[in-house]
Amino acid sequence: MGEITRPLPVKLFVAVLTSISEIMPAAEERLSAAYGAIDIKSGPFPFEWTRYYDRSMGSPISRYFLGFENLIKPESIADIKAATNELESSFSSEWTTVPRPINLDPGYIEESKLVLASTKNFFHRIYIARGIYAEATLHYQKKGAWRAFPWTFPDYAADSYHEYFLSLRDRYREQLNRHSFRRCR
């Protein structure tokens, strides 16, 4: 019989889509008020993978990533996704230039994978709580490479974000070492 153990804390990040760059300071302020200081941010990356969001968000759309200093329990991603959905709604009432001024998708990195939270169920997503599902989106391989799965979104599968995810993973590993958490091999 396997021994039940407590999982290591993980590194929270929020992926942001917006066509309104002026919204980012307010988004960063509200997210850091909720989840702690932002320690690694990226972007903007042009989001040219689909036109799916153009009608509700405008165009051109950019992608930003915000990584947070505070490590979290992996199971808290369900509550965080529910909270970021509420935050999106509050921005919609304040920024009326487009119906959906911002899209906030929280996820986390651990040593071996990147996980995204979603409100949408599908065969590769596992229900967590509160109507939220989790998806392993990328997995880390030795020699500094992130690898996609067949279901990985095209922008996450492309190399353009991987340097950011490597820096987020490196920061996470530093934090684990600094706090003497037992690391996976």
C-alpha atoms as a PDB file:
ATOM      1  CA  MET A   1       0.000   0.000   0.000  1.00  0.00           C
ATOM      2  CA  GLY A   2       1.286   3.446  -0.918  1.00  0.00           C
ATOM      3  CA  GLU A   3       1.866   6.012   1.769  1.00  0.00           C
ATOM      4  CA  ILE A   4      -0.320   9.120   1.622  1.00  0.00           C
ATOM      5  CA  THR A   5       1.863  12.212   1.767  1.00  0.00           C
ATOM      6  CA  ARG A   6       1.234  15.923   1.652  1.00  0.00           C
ATOM      7  CA  PRO A   7       2.097  17.496  -1.717  1.00  0.00           C
ATOM      8  CA  LEU A   8       4.707  20.201  -1.972  1.00  0.00           C
ATOM      9  CA  PRO A   9       3.464  23.759  -2.404  1.00  0.00           C
ATOM     10  CA  VAL A  10       3.384  25.005  -6.003  1.00  0.00           C
ATOM     11  CA  LYS A  11       4.088  28.290  -7.792  1.00  0.00           C
ATOM     12  CA  LEU A  12       0.993  30.245  -8.785  1.00  0.00           C
ATOM     13  CA  PHE A  13       0.818  32.222 -12.001  1.00  0.00           C
ATOM     14  CA  VAL A  14      -2.008  33.958 -13.821  1.00  0.00           C
ATOM     15  CA  ALA A  15      -2.145  34.099 -17.605  1.00  0.00           C
ATOM     16  CA  VAL A  16      -3.775  37.326 -18.772  1.00  0.00           C
ATOM     17  CA  LEU A  17      -5.331  38.092 -22.144  1.00  0.00           C
ATOM     18  CA  THR A  18      -6.363  41.647 -22.997  1.00  0.00           C
ATOM     19  CA  SER A  19      -6.526  44.095 -25.864  1.00  0.00           C
ATOM     20  CA  ILE A  20      -6.352  46.999 -23.401  1.00  0.00           C
ATOM     21  CA  SER A  21      -2.763  47.361 -22.186  1.00  0.00           C
ATOM     22  CA  GLU A  22      -3.838  50.157 -19.818  1.00  0.00           C
ATOM     23  CA  ILE A  23      -5.755  47.575 -17.748  1.00  0.00           C
ATOM     24  CA  MET A  24      -2.588  45.751 -16.678  1.00  0.00           C
ATOM     25  CA  PRO A  25      -1.561  47.999 -13.728  1.00  0.00           C
ATOM     26  CA  ALA A  26      -5.034  47.591 -12.177  1.00  0.00           C
ATOM     27  CA  ALA A  27      -4.984  43.837 -12.835  1.00  0.00           C
ATOM     28  CA  GLU A  28      -1.537  43.476 -11.269  1.00  0.00           C
ATOM     29  CA  GLU A  29      -2.602  45.554  -8.253  1.00  0.00           C
ATOM     30  CA  ARG A  30      -5.749  43.498  -7.593  1.00  0.00           C
ATOM     31  CA  LEU A  31      -4.083  40.150  -8.176  1.00  0.00           C
ATOM     32  CA  SER A  32      -1.132  41.001  -5.932  1.00  0.00           C
ATOM     33  CA  ALA A  33      -3.537  42.221  -3.226  1.00  0.00           C
ATOM     34  CA  ALA A  34      -5.171  38.776  -3.341  1.00  0.00           C
ATOM     35  CA  TYR A  35      -2.127  36.506  -3.892  1.00  0.00           C
ATOM     36  CA  GLY A  36       0.951  38.408  -2.795  1.00  0.00           C
ATOM     37  CA  ALA A  37       3.781  40.139  -4.592  1.00  0.00           C
ATOM     38  CA  ILE A  38       4.415  39.427  -8.254  1.00  0.00           C
ATOM     39  CA  ASP A  39       7.976  38.168  -8.609  1.00  0.00           C
ATOM     40  CA  ILE A  40       8.200  37.235 -12.294  1.00  0.00           C
ATOM     41  CA  LYS A  41       6.144  38.778 -15.070  1.00  0.00           C
ATOM     42  CA  SER A  42       6.301  38.550 -18.828  1.00  0.00           C
ATOM     43  CA  GLY A  43       4.811  39.976 -21.912  1.00  0.00           C
ATOM     44  CA  PRO A  44       3.297  41.261 -23.792  1.00  0.00           C
ATOM     45  CA  PHE A  45       3.212  38.376 -26.238  1.00  0.00           C
ATOM     46  CA  PRO A  46       1.059  38.898 -29.325  1.00  0.00           C
ATOM     47  CA  PHE A  47      -1.881  36.491 -29.150  1.00  0.00           C
ATOM     48  CA  GLU A  48      -2.339  35.459 -32.770  1.00  0.00           C
ATOM     49  CA  TRP A  49      -3.374  31.823 -32.310  1.00  0.00           C
ATOM     50  CA  THR A  50      -7.107  32.262 -32.754  1.00  0.00           C
ATOM     51  CA  ARG A  51      -9.713  34.941 -33.431  1.00  0.00           C
ATOM     52  CA  TYR A  52     -12.064  33.305 -30.915  1.00  0.00           C
ATOM     53  CA  TYR A  53     -11.782  36.164 -28.395  1.00  0.00           C
ATOM     54  CA  ASP A  54     -11.820  39.123 -30.828  1.00  0.00           C
ATOM     55  CA  ARG A  55     -15.586  39.696 -30.725  1.00  0.00           C
ATOM     56  CA  SER A  56     -15.737  39.906 -26.926  1.00  0.00           C
ATOM     57  CA  MET A  57     -12.273  41.306 -26.197  1.00  0.00           C
ATOM     58  CA  GLY A  58     -11.328  43.422 -29.209  1.00  0.00           C
ATOM     59  CA  SER A  59      -8.011  43.152 -31.022  1.00  0.00           C
ATOM     60  CA  PRO A  60      -5.104  42.951 -31.159  1.00  0.00           C
ATOM     61  CA  ILE A  61      -4.933  40.822 -28.032  1.00  0.00           C
ATOM     62  CA  SER A  62      -1.784  40.383 -25.953  1.00  0.00           C
ATOM     63  CA  ARG A  63      -0.825  37.681 -23.449  1.00  0.00           C
ATOM     64  CA  TYR A  64       0.912  38.448 -20.166  1.00  0.00           C
ATOM     65  CA  PHE A  65       2.010  36.095 -17.386  1.00  0.00           C
ATOM     66  CA  LEU A  66       2.233  37.067 -13.720  1.00  0.00           C
ATOM     67  CA  GLY A  67       4.077  34.768 -11.292  1.00  0.00           C
ATOM     68  CA  PHE A  68       3.548  35.199  -7.556  1.00  0.00           C
ATOM     69  CA  GLU A  69       6.094  35.072  -4.753  1.00  0.00           C
ATOM     70  CA  ASN A  70       3.847  33.135  -2.372  1.00  0.00           C
ATOM     71  CA  LEU A  71       3.699  29.409  -2.958  1.00  0.00           C
ATOM     72  CA  ILE A  72       0.242  27.836  -2.692  1.00  0.00           C
ATOM     73  CA  LYS A  73      -1.318  24.490  -1.906  1.00  0.00           C
ATOM     74  CA  PRO A  74      -2.159  22.805  -5.234  1.00  0.00           C
ATOM     75  CA  GLU A  75      -5.789  22.263  -4.224  1.00  0.00           C
ATOM     76  CA  SER A  76      -6.306  26.017  -3.737  1.00  0.00           C
ATOM     77  CA  ILE A  77      -6.288  26.507  -7.531  1.00  0.00           C
ATOM     78  CA  ALA A  78     -10.067  25.847  -7.589  1.00  0.00           C
ATOM     79  CA  ASP A  79     -10.751  28.758  -5.227  1.00  0.00           C
ATOM     80  CA  ILE A  80      -8.306  30.946  -7.132  1.00  0.00           C
ATOM     81  CA  LYS A  81     -10.009  30.207 -10.469  1.00  0.00           C
ATOM     82  CA  ALA A  82     -13.413  31.047  -8.969  1.00  0.00           C
ATOM     83  CA  ALA A  83     -11.977  34.309  -7.590  1.00  0.00           C
ATOM     84  CA  THR A  84     -10.326  35.304 -10.879  1.00  0.00           C
ATOM     85  CA  ASN A  85     -13.645  34.736 -12.667  1.00  0.00           C
ATOM     86  CA  GLU A  86     -15.249  37.208 -10.220  1.00  0.00           C
ATOM     87  CA  LEU A  87     -12.394  39.631 -10.823  1.00  0.00           C
ATOM     88  CA  GLU A  88     -12.966  39.389 -14.590  1.00  0.00           C
ATOM     89  CA  SER A  89     -16.616  40.330 -13.999  1.00  0.00           C
ATOM     90  CA  SER A  90     -15.640  43.375 -11.951  1.00  0.00           C
ATOM     91  CA  PHE A  91     -13.367  44.578 -14.763  1.00  0.00           C
ATOM     92  CA  SER A  92     -16.240  44.136 -17.238  1.00  0.00           C
ATOM     93  CA  SER A  93     -18.368  46.585 -15.269  1.00  0.00           C
ATOM     94  CA  GLU A  94     -15.519  49.123 -15.020  1.00  0.00           C
ATOM     95  CA  TRP A  95     -14.019  48.946 -18.533  1.00  0.00           C
ATOM     96  CA  THR A  96     -16.915  49.221 -20.951  1.00  0.00           C
ATOM     97  CA  THR A  97     -14.989  49.619 -24.199  1.00  0.00           C
ATOM     98  CA  VAL A  98     -15.392  45.879 -24.917  1.00  0.00           C
ATOM     99  CA  PRO A  99     -17.687  43.254 -23.329  1.00  0.00           C
ATOM    100  CA  ARG A 100     -14.776  41.288 -21.862  1.00  0.00           C
ATOM    101  CA  PRO A 101     -11.778  43.530 -21.230  1.00  0.00           C
ATOM    102  CA  ILE A 102      -9.659  40.853 -19.554  1.00  0.00           C
ATOM    103  CA  ASN A 103      -9.326  37.071 -19.349  1.00  0.00           C
ATOM    104  CA  LEU A 104      -7.605  35.660 -16.263  1.00  0.00           C
ATOM    105  CA  ASP A 105      -6.499  32.028 -16.263  1.00  0.00           C
ATOM    106  CA  PRO A 106      -4.682  30.865 -13.128  1.00  0.00           C
ATOM    107  CA  GLY A 107      -2.369  27.908 -13.103  1.00  0.00           C
ATOM    108  CA  TYR A 108       0.648  26.606 -11.297  1.00  0.00           C
ATOM    109  CA  ILE A 109       4.071  25.196 -11.917  1.00  0.00           C
ATOM    110  CA  GLU A 110       5.740  22.427 -10.028  1.00  0.00           C
ATOM    111  CA  GLU A 111       8.978  20.721 -10.969  1.00  0.00           C
ATOM    112  CA  SER A 112       7.470  18.289 -13.454  1.00  0.00           C
ATOM    113  CA  LYS A 113       4.425  20.036 -14.899  1.00  0.00           C
ATOM    114  CA  LEU A 114       2.406  23.139 -15.622  1.00  0.00           C
ATOM    115  CA  VAL A 115      -1.271  22.941 -14.634  1.00  0.00           C
ATOM    116  CA  LEU A 116      -4.106  25.216 -15.769  1.00  0.00           C
ATOM    117  CA  ALA A 117      -7.492  25.620 -14.095  1.00  0.00           C
ATOM    118  CA  SER A 118     -10.649  25.670 -16.213  1.00  0.00           C
ATOM    119  CA  THR A 119     -14.410  25.868 -15.873  1.00  0.00           C
ATOM    120  CA  LYS A 120     -14.762  23.562 -18.878  1.00  0.00           C
ATOM    121  CA  ASN A 121     -14.791  19.787 -18.578  1.00  0.00           C
ATOM    122  CA  PHE A 122     -13.221  17.518 -21.181  1.00  0.00           C
ATOM    123  CA  PHE A 123     -11.650  14.046 -21.295  1.00  0.00           C
ATOM    124  CA  HIS A 124      -8.213  15.255 -20.178  1.00  0.00           C
ATOM    125  CA  ARG A 125      -9.410  17.464 -17.330  1.00  0.00           C
ATOM    126  CA  ILE A 126      -9.969  16.327 -13.762  1.00  0.00           C
ATOM    127  CA  TYR A 127     -12.648  17.829 -11.543  1.00  0.00           C
ATOM    128  CA  ILE A 128     -11.224  19.491  -8.424  1.00  0.00           C
ATOM    129  CA  ALA A 129     -13.995  21.485  -6.684  1.00  0.00           C
ATOM    130  CA  ARG A 130     -16.440  24.384  -7.087  1.00  0.00           C
ATOM    131  CA  GLY A 131     -17.074  23.638 -10.769  1.00  0.00           C
ATOM    132  CA  ILE A 132     -13.358  23.858 -11.566  1.00  0.00           C
ATOM    133  CA  TYR A 133     -11.235  21.345 -13.478  1.00  0.00           C
ATOM    134  CA  ALA A 134      -7.454  21.008 -13.697  1.00  0.00           C
ATOM    135  CA  GLU A 135      -5.402  20.123 -16.746  1.00  0.00           C
ATOM    136  CA  ALA A 136      -1.740  19.168 -17.019  1.00  0.00           C
ATOM    137  CA  THR A 137      -0.876  21.444 -19.950  1.00  0.00           C
ATOM    138  CA  LEU A 138       2.893  20.976 -20.243  1.00  0.00           C
ATOM    139  CA  HIS A 139       5.386  18.577 -18.720  1.00  0.00           C
ATOM    140  CA  TYR A 140       9.017  19.286 -18.007  1.00  0.00           C
ATOM    141  CA  GLN A 141      11.780  17.096 -19.392  1.00  0.00           C
ATOM    142  CA  LYS A 142      15.428  17.130 -18.489  1.00  0.00           C
ATOM    143  CA  LYS A 143      17.731  19.560 -20.252  1.00  0.00           C
ATOM    144  CA  GLY A 144      15.384  22.497 -19.869  1.00  0.00           C
ATOM    145  CA  ALA A 145      12.563  21.537 -22.180  1.00  0.00           C
ATOM    146  CA  TRP A 146       8.823  21.873 -21.777  1.00  0.00           C
ATOM    147  CA  ARG A 147       6.772  19.384 -23.793  1.00  0.00           C
ATOM    148  CA  ALA A 148       3.172  19.647 -24.896  1.00  0.00           C
ATOM    149  CA  PHE A 149       0.412  17.064 -24.834  1.00  0.00           C
ATOM    150  CA  PRO A 150      -1.975  16.484 -27.753  1.00  0.00           C
ATOM    151  CA  TRP A 151      -4.562  18.707 -25.981  1.00  0.00           C
ATOM    152  CA  THR A 152      -2.212  21.576 -25.108  1.00  0.00           C
ATOM    153  CA  PHE A 153      -3.374  24.960 -26.407  1.00  0.00           C
ATOM    154  CA  PRO A 154      -1.261  25.963 -29.437  1.00  0.00           C
ATOM    155  CA  ASP A 155       0.187  29.053 -27.770  1.00  0.00           C
ATOM    156  CA  TYR A 156       1.342  27.025 -24.746  1.00  0.00           C
ATOM    157  CA  ALA A 157       2.766  24.351 -27.057  1.00  0.00           C
ATOM    158  CA  ALA A 158       4.835  26.884 -29.018  1.00  0.00           C
ATOM    159  CA  ASP A 159       8.291  27.777 -27.740  1.00  0.00           C
ATOM    160  CA  SER A 160       7.466  31.471 -27.275  1.00  0.00           C
ATOM    161  CA  TYR A 161       6.237  31.058 -23.657  1.00  0.00           C
ATOM    162  CA  HIS A 162       8.666  28.350 -22.610  1.00  0.00           C
ATOM    163  CA  GLU A 163      11.504  30.666 -21.590  1.00  0.00           C
ATOM    164  CA  TYR A 164       9.138  32.377 -19.155  1.00  0.00           C
ATOM    165  CA  PHE A 165       7.976  29.007 -17.790  1.00  0.00           C
ATOM    166  CA  LEU A 166      11.608  27.928 -17.363  1.00  0.00           C
ATOM    167  CA  SER A 167      12.346  31.074 -15.346  1.00  0.00           C
ATOM    168  CA  LEU A 168       9.215  30.476 -13.258  1.00  0.00           C
ATOM    169  CA  ARG A 169      10.285  26.873 -12.633  1.00  0.00           C
ATOM    170  CA  ASP A 170      13.824  27.980 -11.695  1.00  0.00           C
ATOM    171  CA  ARG A 171      12.414  30.526  -9.246  1.00  0.00           C
ATOM    172  CA  TYR A 172      10.118  27.848  -7.788  1.00  0.00           C
ATOM    173  CA  ARG A 173      13.077  25.495  -7.267  1.00  0.00           C
ATOM    174  CA  GLU A 174      15.009  28.289  -5.520  1.00  0.00           C
ATOM    175  CA  GLN A 175      12.040  28.837  -3.219  1.00  0.00           C
ATOM    176  CA  LEU A 176      11.792  25.126  -2.410  1.00  0.00           C
ATOM    177  CA  ASN A 177      15.498  25.018  -1.574  1.00  0.00           C
ATOM    178  CA  ARG A 178      15.342  28.190   0.507  1.00  0.00           C
ATOM    179  CA  HIS A 179      12.456  26.826   2.586  1.00  0.00           C
ATOM    180  CA  SER A 180      13.943  23.319   2.811  1.00  0.00           C
ATOM    181  CA  PHE A 181      10.960  21.569   1.262  1.00  0.00           C
ATOM    182  CA  ARG A 182      11.664  18.006   0.211  1.00  0.00           C
ATOM    183  CA  ARG A 183      11.989  18.098  -3.567  1.00  0.00           C
ATOM    184  CA  CYS A 184      11.000  15.387  -6.016  1.00  0.00           C
ATOM    185  CA  ARG A 185      13.839  13.880  -8.021  1.00  0.00           C
END
